[in-house]
């Protein structure tokens, strides 16, 4: 669970950078898959 929490925080901080660099095409499906897994 802690690993997921850390990954989640990292993802949250990486999302804005990814969006700024390029359009978000991974975050949406990634979040969906992560949510389904959880």
N, C-alpha and C. Protein backbone atom coordinates (compact mmCIF):
# COMPACT_ATOMS: atom_id res chain seq x y z
N UNK A 1 0.84 -1.21 0.00
CA UNK A 1 0.00 0.00 0.00
C UNK A 1 0.87 1.25 0.00
N UNK A 2 1.94 1.21 0.78
CA UNK A 2 2.83 2.38 0.84
C UNK A 2 3.44 2.64 -0.52
N UNK A 3 3.80 1.56 -1.21
CA UNK A 3 4.38 1.71 -2.54
C UNK A 3 3.38 2.41 -3.46
N UNK A 4 2.13 1.97 -3.38
CA UNK A 4 1.10 2.57 -4.23
C UNK A 4 0.95 4.06 -3.88
N UNK A 5 0.98 4.35 -2.60
CA UNK A 5 0.83 5.74 -2.14
C UNK A 5 1.98 6.58 -2.70
N UNK A 6 3.20 6.07 -2.60
CA UNK A 6 4.35 6.80 -3.11
C UNK A 6 4.23 6.97 -4.62
N UNK A 7 3.86 5.90 -5.31
CA UNK A 7 3.71 5.96 -6.76
C UNK A 7 2.64 6.98 -7.12
N UNK A 8 1.58 7.01 -6.32
CA UNK A 8 0.48 7.95 -6.57
C UNK A 8 0.97 9.38 -6.45
N UNK A 9 1.71 9.66 -5.38
CA UNK A 9 2.24 11.02 -5.18
C UNK A 9 3.18 11.39 -6.31
N UNK A 10 4.05 10.47 -6.69
CA UNK A 10 4.99 10.73 -7.78
C UNK A 10 4.21 11.00 -9.06
N UNK A 11 3.16 10.19 -9.29
CA UNK A 11 2.35 10.34 -10.49
C UNK A 11 1.70 11.72 -10.51
N UNK A 12 1.16 12.12 -9.36
CA UNK A 12 0.49 13.42 -9.25
C UNK A 12 1.47 14.55 -9.58
N UNK A 13 2.71 14.41 -9.13
CA UNK A 13 3.70 15.46 -9.38
C UNK A 13 4.23 15.38 -10.80
N UNK A 14 4.12 14.20 -11.42
CA UNK A 14 4.62 14.01 -12.78
C UNK A 14 3.57 14.42 -13.81
N UNK A 15 2.30 14.26 -13.46
CA UNK A 15 1.21 14.58 -14.39
C UNK A 15 1.35 15.99 -14.97
N UNK A 16 1.47 17.02 -14.12
CA UNK A 16 1.59 18.39 -14.64
C UNK A 16 2.77 18.53 -15.59
N UNK A 17 3.88 17.89 -15.27
CA UNK A 17 5.06 17.98 -16.12
C UNK A 17 4.78 17.31 -17.47
N UNK A 18 4.12 16.16 -17.42
CA UNK A 18 3.79 15.44 -18.66
C UNK A 18 2.86 16.29 -19.51
N UNK A 19 1.85 16.89 -18.87
CA UNK A 19 0.88 17.71 -19.61
C UNK A 19 1.58 18.93 -20.21
N UNK A 20 2.50 19.51 -19.45
CA UNK A 20 3.21 20.69 -19.94
C UNK A 20 4.10 20.31 -21.12
N UNK A 21 4.70 19.13 -21.04
CA UNK A 21 5.60 18.68 -22.10
C UNK A 21 4.82 18.22 -23.33
N UNK A 22 3.74 17.48 -23.10
CA UNK A 22 2.96 16.94 -24.22
C UNK A 22 1.53 16.69 -23.75
N UNK A 23 0.60 16.52 -24.67
CA UNK A 23 -0.80 16.26 -24.30
C UNK A 23 -0.91 14.99 -23.47
N UNK A 24 -1.87 14.97 -22.57
CA UNK A 24 -2.03 13.80 -21.70
C UNK A 24 -2.76 12.69 -22.46
N UNK A 25 -2.03 11.61 -22.68
CA UNK A 25 -2.62 10.46 -23.38
C UNK A 25 -2.39 9.20 -22.56
N UNK A 26 -1.45 9.26 -21.62
CA UNK A 26 -1.18 8.12 -20.74
C UNK A 26 -1.91 8.26 -19.41
N UNK A 27 -1.94 9.47 -18.82
CA UNK A 27 -2.56 9.66 -17.50
C UNK A 27 -3.98 9.09 -17.42
N UNK A 28 -4.83 9.39 -18.40
CA UNK A 28 -6.23 8.96 -18.33
C UNK A 28 -6.34 7.43 -18.27
N UNK A 29 -5.78 6.70 -19.25
CA UNK A 29 -5.87 5.24 -19.20
C UNK A 29 -5.14 4.67 -18.00
N UNK A 30 -4.02 5.32 -17.62
CA UNK A 30 -3.24 4.85 -16.48
C UNK A 30 -4.08 4.95 -15.21
N UNK A 31 -4.76 6.07 -15.05
CA UNK A 31 -5.59 6.28 -13.85
C UNK A 31 -6.73 5.25 -13.85
N UNK A 32 -7.31 5.03 -15.02
CA UNK A 32 -8.42 4.07 -15.12
C UNK A 32 -7.95 2.68 -14.73
N UNK A 33 -6.79 2.28 -15.25
CA UNK A 33 -6.26 0.95 -14.94
C UNK A 33 -5.92 0.86 -13.45
N UNK A 34 -5.32 1.92 -12.94
CA UNK A 34 -4.94 1.93 -11.53
C UNK A 34 -6.18 1.84 -10.66
N UNK A 35 -7.23 2.57 -11.04
CA UNK A 35 -8.46 2.57 -10.26
C UNK A 35 -9.10 1.18 -10.29
N UNK A 36 -9.07 0.54 -11.46
CA UNK A 36 -9.65 -0.80 -11.58
C UNK A 36 -8.87 -1.78 -10.72
N UNK A 37 -7.55 -1.64 -10.73
CA UNK A 37 -6.71 -2.54 -9.94
C UNK A 37 -7.01 -2.37 -8.46
N UNK A 38 -7.14 -1.12 -8.05
CA UNK A 38 -7.43 -0.86 -6.64
C UNK A 38 -8.85 -1.32 -6.33
